Amino acid sequence: MLVLVINSGSSSLKYQVRDVAAGSVLTEGLIEKIGMGNGGDGDGEIEGPRDHAEALEQVGAAIHAELGDLELGAVGHRVVHGGERFAEPVLIDNEITRAIERLNPLAPLHNPANVLGIRAITRKWPDLPQVAVFDTAFHRSLPEHAWRYAVPDELYTNHGIRRYGFHGTSHEYVTHRAAGLLGVPVDEFDGVIAHLGNGASVTAIRGGKSVDTSMGFTPLEGLVMGTRSGDLDPSILVFLGRAGWTPEDIDTMLNRESGLKGLAGNNDMRSVVEASEAGDAKASMALAVTSYRLAKYIGGYHVAVGGAKALVFTAGIGENSYQFRALVADKLGALGIELDAGLNSQRSKEPRVISTPESAIPVLVVPTDEEQAIAEATAAVVHPSTAP
């Protein structure tokens, strides 16, 4: 089965066509600057497609140029927020589209764009099955004591304020791959998975299910990230508001100007590591803060899962920055974790163990592939016999 995987942003549309049975990518691309141009009509510079429908015309043309008359079997959409309703991928119809749209207030930067992509596909290929795969769905297994905030109950009942968690598609995919690498059934896998990219989260896995995760009501909570602050005292926001900061000022500062960027002046981990190795004190402090925050979460989640049987690094930083992995592991001696320096520094795109035989638990690097996970989930919904 050929599945078109769509990741629709407000001004961009990323796509892949995957052969699910073969596990291969047949073609992929990115359409940018949607809504920033005239689409070729009239005078002036053509910046980009006028809307997502026009962007999909470009996608359709590109797919036909690459694949000819091969037929798509379904479309899988990455949808950021599924709220409390969606605990698994679902076949999209008009009611589901409206339900996703009703969640817009919980993810105002993401869900509206996801809906635009769904509706554009519906107009272009009305008979093609579409499936929504939710970033939050994997975390619907969190127990109430983990997702509750200690605030008046009306904030939850009236406004849905609770921990939702994100990166769930990646965490679920990596959970299955890590269990396979260790040769244990996924429902017996207890571990801690660190998804480390420009956005970062860590999840406690018990019996193959998410039981706690660092991101919360929004993706801002938790770890120090590329431009996001992660955890901080909520009273800071009250203080800044009283000092004249607007909600927009605070939102911009916390989401776009904090994290590595706020501490080191750069949100690219490679650049921060290089600066630190060259003697930049701010870069070294940024790495110390970031690795310490992650190590604290790992220690806490070791308790949450009743004793982790593995620590897993994934995503861009987790897969590629051996220096940052070493900084984190150096803070986990109390857990008996010990990296093999040679294995840790090796470059590979394959899942692998990077700890010593003496390490109390294995430390793994498992590359994530959210597009493959979405394609497999889509196939499982539309035509279960074709799913791996």
Protein backbone atom coordinates (compact mmCIF):
# COMPACT_ATOMS: atom_id res chain seq x y z
CA MET A 1 0.00 0.00 0.00
CA LEU A 2 1.25 3.49 -0.92
CA VAL A 3 0.55 6.10 1.73
CA LEU A 4 0.95 9.85 1.31
CA VAL A 5 2.10 11.26 4.66
CA ILE A 6 1.21 14.92 5.18
CA ASN A 7 2.61 17.27 7.82
CA SER A 8 0.73 20.50 7.24
CA GLY A 9 1.91 23.79 8.77
CA SER A 10 0.37 27.23 8.53
CA SER A 11 2.69 28.22 5.66
CA SER A 12 4.29 24.91 4.69
CA LEU A 13 3.38 21.39 3.66
CA LYS A 14 5.83 18.54 4.07
CA TYR A 15 5.03 15.25 2.35
CA GLN A 16 6.31 11.75 1.73
CA VAL A 17 4.97 8.84 -0.29
CA ARG A 18 5.85 5.58 1.43
CA ASP A 19 5.50 1.96 0.41
CA VAL A 20 4.35 0.54 3.73
CA ALA A 21 5.06 -3.09 2.93
CA ALA A 22 8.61 -2.33 1.80
CA GLY A 23 9.21 0.33 4.46
CA SER A 24 10.64 2.64 1.80
CA VAL A 25 10.27 6.29 0.79
CA LEU A 26 9.33 6.67 -2.89
CA THR A 27 9.34 10.44 -3.03
CA GLU A 28 9.22 13.40 -0.65
CA GLY A 29 9.25 17.16 -0.65
CA LEU A 30 8.40 20.43 1.06
CA ILE A 31 6.17 23.23 -0.19
CA GLU A 32 6.87 26.53 1.58
CA LYS A 33 5.56 30.11 1.70
CA ILE A 34 1.93 29.02 1.39
CA GLY A 35 -0.32 32.07 1.42
CA MET A 36 2.58 34.41 0.79
CA GLY A 37 2.20 34.86 -2.95
CA ASN A 38 -0.15 35.20 -5.88
CA GLY A 39 0.26 31.68 -7.19
CA GLY A 40 1.34 33.02 -10.56
CA ASP A 41 -1.63 35.29 -11.28
CA GLY A 42 -1.19 38.94 -12.08
CA ASP A 43 1.92 41.00 -11.67
CA GLY A 44 4.60 40.85 -9.04
CA GLU A 45 6.89 38.26 -7.57
CA ILE A 46 5.52 34.73 -7.04
CA GLU A 47 6.38 33.86 -3.43
CA GLY A 48 4.40 30.65 -3.09
CA PRO A 49 1.02 28.93 -3.46
CA ARG A 50 -2.02 30.98 -2.54
CA ASP A 51 -3.39 28.31 -0.19
CA HIS A 52 -3.07 24.66 0.82
CA ALA A 53 -5.28 23.55 -2.07
CA GLU A 54 -2.86 25.10 -4.54
CA ALA A 55 0.08 23.62 -2.64
CA LEU A 56 -1.50 20.18 -3.05
CA GLU A 57 -1.72 20.73 -6.79
CA GLN A 58 2.06 21.10 -6.71
CA VAL A 59 2.36 17.98 -4.56
CA GLY A 60 0.14 16.03 -6.95
CA ALA A 61 2.20 17.12 -9.94
CA ALA A 62 5.46 16.22 -8.21
CA ILE A 63 4.15 12.78 -7.20
CA HIS A 64 2.94 12.07 -10.74
CA ALA A 65 6.30 13.16 -12.17
CA GLU A 66 8.12 10.76 -9.84
CA LEU A 67 5.73 7.83 -9.68
CA GLY A 68 3.70 8.03 -12.87
CA ASP A 69 0.38 6.21 -12.62
CA LEU A 70 1.06 4.42 -9.32
CA GLU A 71 -2.02 4.88 -7.16
CA LEU A 72 -2.08 6.16 -3.61
CA GLY A 73 -3.97 3.97 -1.16
CA ALA A 74 -4.49 6.50 1.64
CA VAL A 75 -3.31 9.74 3.20
CA GLY A 76 -1.96 9.92 6.74
CA HIS A 77 -1.97 13.28 8.52
CA ARG A 78 0.16 14.28 11.47
CA VAL A 79 -2.27 16.05 13.81
CA VAL A 80 -0.64 17.65 16.83
CA HIS A 81 -3.49 17.70 19.34
CA GLY A 82 -6.12 15.03 19.85
CA GLY A 83 -7.31 16.28 23.24
CA GLU A 84 -9.03 13.73 25.45
CA ARG A 85 -11.16 12.27 22.68
CA PHE A 86 -8.56 10.67 20.43
CA ALA A 87 -6.50 7.85 21.89
CA GLU A 88 -5.58 6.21 18.57
CA PRO A 89 -5.47 6.97 14.83
CA VAL A 90 -8.88 7.45 13.23
CA LEU A 91 -10.40 7.41 9.75
CA ILE A 92 -11.31 11.00 8.88
CA ASP A 93 -14.81 12.09 7.95
CA ASN A 94 -16.58 15.43 8.26
CA GLU A 95 -17.40 14.90 11.93
CA ILE A 96 -13.80 13.98 12.77
CA THR A 97 -12.54 17.06 10.91
CA ARG A 98 -14.88 19.26 12.93
CA ALA A 99 -13.78 17.55 16.15
CA ILE A 100 -10.13 18.29 15.34
CA GLU A 101 -11.09 21.87 14.57
CA ARG A 102 -12.80 22.20 17.96
CA LEU A 103 -9.42 21.45 19.55
CA ASN A 104 -7.85 24.52 17.88
CA PRO A 105 -7.72 26.50 21.16
CA LEU A 106 -5.44 23.82 22.65
CA ALA A 107 -2.98 23.99 19.73
CA PRO A 108 -3.59 27.30 17.92
CA LEU A 109 -0.33 27.13 15.95
CA HIS A 110 -0.83 23.57 14.73
CA ASN A 111 -4.36 22.15 14.58
CA PRO A 112 -5.79 24.87 12.29
CA ALA A 113 -3.05 24.10 9.77
CA ASN A 114 -3.68 20.37 10.12
CA VAL A 115 -7.36 20.95 9.31
CA LEU A 116 -6.43 23.03 6.26
CA GLY A 117 -4.39 20.09 4.98
CA ILE A 118 -7.23 17.63 5.58
CA ARG A 119 -9.77 19.79 3.77
CA ALA A 120 -7.43 20.44 0.86
CA ILE A 121 -6.94 16.68 0.39
CA THR A 122 -10.71 16.16 0.59
CA ARG A 123 -11.24 18.64 -2.24
CA LYS A 124 -8.48 17.25 -4.43
CA TRP A 125 -8.98 13.52 -3.82
CA PRO A 126 -12.47 13.12 -2.31
CA ASP A 127 -12.49 9.32 -2.54
CA LEU A 128 -9.05 8.79 -0.99
CA PRO A 129 -9.21 7.53 2.64
CA GLN A 130 -7.58 9.88 5.14
CA VAL A 131 -6.34 9.01 8.63
CA ALA A 132 -5.45 11.36 11.48
CA VAL A 133 -2.48 10.29 13.62
CA PHE A 134 -2.26 12.33 16.82
CA ASP A 135 0.91 13.42 18.63
CA THR A 136 -0.97 13.29 21.93
CA ALA A 137 -2.61 9.87 21.51
CA PHE A 138 0.21 7.73 22.93
CA HIS A 139 0.03 9.70 26.18
CA ARG A 140 -3.67 9.02 26.75
CA SER A 141 -2.51 6.10 28.92
CA LEU A 142 -1.15 8.50 31.56
CA PRO A 143 -2.74 7.82 34.95
CA GLU A 144 -4.74 10.69 36.40
CA HIS A 145 -2.16 11.39 39.10
CA ALA A 146 0.35 12.09 36.32
CA TRP A 147 -1.82 14.27 34.07
CA ARG A 148 -3.56 16.31 36.78
CA TYR A 149 -2.28 19.77 37.70
CA ALA A 150 -2.80 20.92 41.30
CA VAL A 151 -5.13 23.76 40.34
CA PRO A 152 -8.89 24.26 40.91
CA ASP A 153 -10.86 21.50 39.24
CA GLU A 154 -12.88 23.98 37.18
CA LEU A 155 -9.75 24.74 35.13
CA TYR A 156 -9.81 21.15 33.94
CA THR A 157 -13.56 20.70 33.62
CA ASN A 158 -14.21 24.07 31.94
CA HIS A 159 -10.99 24.63 29.99
CA GLY A 160 -9.35 21.23 29.57
CA ILE A 161 -6.21 22.29 31.45
CA ARG A 162 -4.23 19.11 32.10
CA ARG A 163 -1.08 17.39 30.91
CA TYR A 164 -1.47 16.08 27.36
CA GLY A 165 2.11 15.36 26.28
CA PHE A 166 3.49 15.51 22.74
CA HIS A 167 5.95 13.69 20.44
CA GLY A 168 3.76 10.65 21.11
CA THR A 169 4.11 9.23 17.61
CA SER A 170 7.89 9.23 18.00
CA HIS A 171 7.85 7.87 21.55
CA GLU A 172 5.57 4.99 20.54
CA TYR A 173 7.65 4.16 17.46
CA VAL A 174 10.90 4.17 19.45
CA THR A 175 9.35 2.12 22.26
CA HIS A 176 8.60 -0.71 19.82
CA ARG A 177 12.05 -0.51 18.18
CA ALA A 178 13.87 -0.43 21.51
CA ALA A 179 11.94 -3.44 22.79
CA GLY A 180 12.77 -5.28 19.58
CA LEU A 181 16.46 -4.42 19.89
CA LEU A 182 16.53 -5.77 23.45
CA GLY A 183 14.53 -8.86 22.49
CA VAL A 184 11.68 -8.26 24.94
CA PRO A 185 7.93 -8.09 24.20
CA VAL A 186 6.81 -4.48 23.98
CA ASP A 187 4.27 -5.01 26.78
CA GLU A 188 7.17 -5.96 29.06
CA PHE A 189 9.34 -2.96 28.15
CA ASP A 190 9.99 -0.49 30.98
CA GLY A 191 12.26 2.38 30.07
CA VAL A 192 12.90 6.08 29.66
CA ILE A 193 12.91 7.60 26.18
CA ALA A 194 14.48 10.98 25.49
CA HIS A 195 13.32 12.60 22.24
CA LEU A 196 15.85 15.38 21.81
CA GLY A 197 15.55 17.85 18.95
CA ASN A 198 14.91 21.57 18.78
CA GLY A 199 11.78 20.52 20.66
CA ALA A 200 12.54 17.95 23.34
CA SER A 201 10.61 15.66 25.65
CA VAL A 202 11.26 12.63 27.81
CA THR A 203 8.72 9.89 28.51
CA ALA A 204 8.42 7.19 31.16
CA ILE A 205 7.38 3.87 29.58
CA ARG A 206 5.95 1.07 31.72
CA GLY A 207 4.69 -2.10 30.10
CA GLY A 208 5.09 -0.45 26.70
CA LYS A 209 2.76 2.45 27.62
CA SER A 210 3.37 6.08 28.48
CA VAL A 211 2.88 6.69 32.22
CA ASP A 212 4.46 10.16 32.44
CA THR A 213 5.94 12.69 30.06
CA SER A 214 7.69 16.02 30.37
CA MET A 215 5.62 18.15 27.98
CA GLY A 216 2.31 19.22 29.46
CA PHE A 217 -0.69 21.34 28.49
CA THR A 218 1.54 22.70 25.70
CA PRO A 219 4.94 21.65 24.33
CA LEU A 220 6.59 24.37 26.46
CA GLU A 221 6.79 22.43 29.72
CA GLY A 222 9.66 20.17 30.69
CA LEU A 223 13.17 20.08 29.25
CA VAL A 224 15.36 22.96 28.13
CA MET A 225 14.92 23.06 24.35
CA GLY A 226 16.33 24.96 21.39
CA THR A 227 14.27 28.11 21.93
CA ARG A 228 11.83 27.04 24.69
CA SER A 229 12.47 27.53 28.39
CA GLY A 230 10.94 24.33 29.72
CA ASP A 231 10.05 24.31 33.43
CA LEU A 232 10.13 27.54 35.40
CA ASP A 233 8.42 29.11 38.40
CA PRO A 234 4.93 30.22 37.25
CA SER A 235 5.22 33.31 39.44
CA ILE A 236 7.80 34.64 36.99
CA LEU A 237 4.98 35.14 34.51
CA VAL A 238 2.91 37.02 37.09
CA PHE A 239 5.94 39.15 37.92
CA LEU A 240 6.55 39.99 34.27
CA GLY A 241 2.86 40.77 33.71
CA ARG A 242 2.93 43.23 36.59
CA ALA A 243 6.08 44.73 35.10
CA GLY A 244 4.21 45.54 31.89
CA TRP A 245 4.90 42.52 29.71
CA THR A 246 1.95 41.54 27.53
CA PRO A 247 0.85 37.89 27.10
CA GLU A 248 2.25 38.07 23.57
CA ASP A 249 5.61 39.33 24.90
CA ILE A 250 5.79 36.50 27.41
CA ASP A 251 4.74 33.86 24.88
CA THR A 252 7.39 35.01 22.41
CA MET A 253 10.10 35.10 25.07
CA LEU A 254 9.34 31.63 26.44
CA ASN A 255 8.83 29.87 23.10
CA ARG A 256 11.21 31.65 20.74
CA GLU A 257 13.93 33.39 22.76
CA SER A 258 14.70 31.01 25.64
CA GLY A 259 16.29 27.58 25.96
CA LEU A 260 19.70 27.19 24.35
CA LYS A 261 19.13 30.43 22.46
CA GLY A 262 18.50 32.35 25.64
CA LEU A 263 21.44 30.84 27.49
CA ALA A 264 24.04 30.60 24.73
CA GLY A 265 22.73 32.88 21.99
CA ASN A 266 22.27 29.94 19.60
CA ASN A 267 19.59 27.24 19.42
CA ASP A 268 21.67 24.79 17.33
CA MET A 269 23.17 22.12 19.59
CA ARG A 270 26.10 21.50 17.26
CA SER A 271 27.09 25.15 17.38
CA VAL A 272 26.71 25.29 21.16
CA VAL A 273 28.88 22.19 21.62
CA GLU A 274 31.54 23.64 19.30
CA ALA A 275 31.48 26.95 21.17
CA SER A 276 31.79 25.16 24.51
CA GLU A 277 34.76 23.12 23.27
CA ALA A 278 36.36 26.38 22.15
CA GLY A 279 36.06 27.80 25.67
CA ASP A 280 32.82 29.79 25.49
CA ALA A 281 31.59 29.99 29.10
CA LYS A 282 27.97 30.73 28.17
CA ALA A 283 27.82 27.73 25.87
CA SER A 284 29.30 25.49 28.58
CA MET A 285 26.74 26.72 31.09
CA ALA A 286 23.92 26.17 28.59
CA LEU A 287 25.01 22.54 28.15
CA ALA A 288 25.31 22.09 31.90
CA VAL A 289 21.80 23.42 32.50
CA THR A 290 20.28 21.40 29.66
CA SER A 291 21.95 18.10 30.55
CA TYR A 292 21.20 18.55 34.27
CA ARG A 293 17.50 19.12 33.59
CA LEU A 294 17.32 15.97 31.46
CA ALA A 295 19.25 13.89 33.99
CA LYS A 296 16.80 14.94 36.73
CA TYR A 297 13.86 13.83 34.62
CA ILE A 298 15.53 10.51 33.81
CA GLY A 299 16.10 9.88 37.51
CA GLY A 300 12.48 10.70 38.31
CA TYR A 301 11.14 8.53 35.53
CA HIS A 302 13.36 5.66 36.63
CA VAL A 303 11.22 5.73 39.78
CA ALA A 304 7.98 6.23 37.82
CA VAL A 305 8.45 3.01 35.84
CA GLY A 306 9.50 0.97 38.87
CA GLY A 307 13.08 0.63 37.67
CA ALA A 308 13.92 1.35 34.05
CA LYS A 309 15.33 -1.50 31.98
CA ALA A 310 16.73 0.86 29.34
CA LEU A 311 17.49 4.50 28.59
CA VAL A 312 16.90 5.45 24.96
CA PHE A 313 18.08 8.52 23.06
CA THR A 314 16.33 9.54 19.83
CA ALA A 315 15.65 12.46 17.42
CA GLY A 316 18.22 14.86 15.98
CA ILE A 317 20.26 15.65 19.08
CA GLY A 318 19.67 12.32 20.77
CA GLU A 319 20.81 10.40 17.70
CA ASN A 320 23.73 12.57 16.65
CA SER A 321 25.28 14.48 19.57
CA TYR A 322 27.55 12.00 21.33
CA GLN A 323 28.91 14.89 23.38
CA PHE A 324 25.51 15.72 24.83
CA ARG A 325 24.70 12.05 25.49
CA ALA A 326 27.96 11.80 27.45
CA LEU A 327 27.14 14.92 29.48
CA VAL A 328 23.80 13.42 30.48
CA ALA A 329 25.18 9.96 31.24
CA ASP A 330 27.94 11.45 33.42
CA LYS A 331 25.20 12.74 35.74
CA LEU A 332 23.54 9.32 36.05
CA GLY A 333 26.20 7.45 37.98
CA ALA A 334 23.79 6.92 40.87
CA LEU A 335 21.72 4.74 38.53
CA GLY A 336 24.76 2.67 37.57
CA ILE A 337 24.69 3.94 33.98
CA GLU A 338 28.00 3.79 32.14
CA LEU A 339 28.59 4.63 28.48
CA ASP A 340 31.20 3.01 26.27
CA ALA A 341 33.07 6.04 24.94
CA GLY A 342 33.95 4.32 21.69
CA LEU A 343 30.44 3.06 20.98
CA ASN A 344 28.92 6.40 21.97
CA SER A 345 31.11 8.36 19.55
CA GLN A 346 30.47 6.08 16.56
CA ARG A 347 28.25 7.44 13.79
CA SER A 348 25.47 5.15 12.65
CA LYS A 349 21.88 5.31 11.44
CA GLU A 350 21.12 1.92 12.96
CA PRO A 351 19.62 1.23 16.39
CA ARG A 352 22.43 0.33 18.75
CA VAL A 353 23.63 -0.11 22.34
CA ILE A 354 26.18 2.49 23.49
CA SER A 355 26.66 1.43 27.13
CA THR A 356 29.31 -0.85 28.62
CA PRO A 357 28.52 -4.44 29.63
CA GLU A 358 28.91 -3.29 33.25
CA SER A 359 26.22 -0.61 32.95
CA ALA A 360 23.29 -1.34 35.28
CA ILE A 361 20.89 -0.82 32.37
CA PRO A 362 21.56 -0.62 28.63
CA VAL A 363 21.68 2.79 26.98
CA LEU A 364 20.39 2.78 23.40
CA VAL A 365 20.33 5.09 20.42
CA VAL A 366 17.24 4.37 18.31
CA PRO A 367 16.59 6.61 15.29
CA THR A 368 13.00 7.79 15.10
CA ASP A 369 10.93 7.92 11.94
CA GLU A 370 7.61 9.65 12.56
CA GLU A 371 6.64 9.50 8.88
CA GLN A 372 7.05 5.74 8.83
CA ALA A 373 5.02 5.48 12.03
CA ILE A 374 2.24 7.60 10.50
CA ALA A 375 2.27 5.53 7.30
CA GLU A 376 2.07 2.26 9.24
CA ALA A 377 -0.73 3.58 11.45
CA THR A 378 -2.64 4.78 8.39
CA ALA A 379 -2.33 1.41 6.69
CA ALA A 380 -3.47 -0.36 9.85
CA VAL A 381 -6.66 1.75 9.95
CA VAL A 382 -7.51 1.64 6.24
CA HIS A 383 -6.37 -1.86 5.28
CA PRO A 384 -5.07 -3.82 8.28
CA SER A 385 -3.75 -6.72 6.21
CA THR A 386 -1.15 -4.44 4.57
CA ALA A 387 0.30 -3.14 7.85
CA PRO A 388 3.57 -4.63 9.12
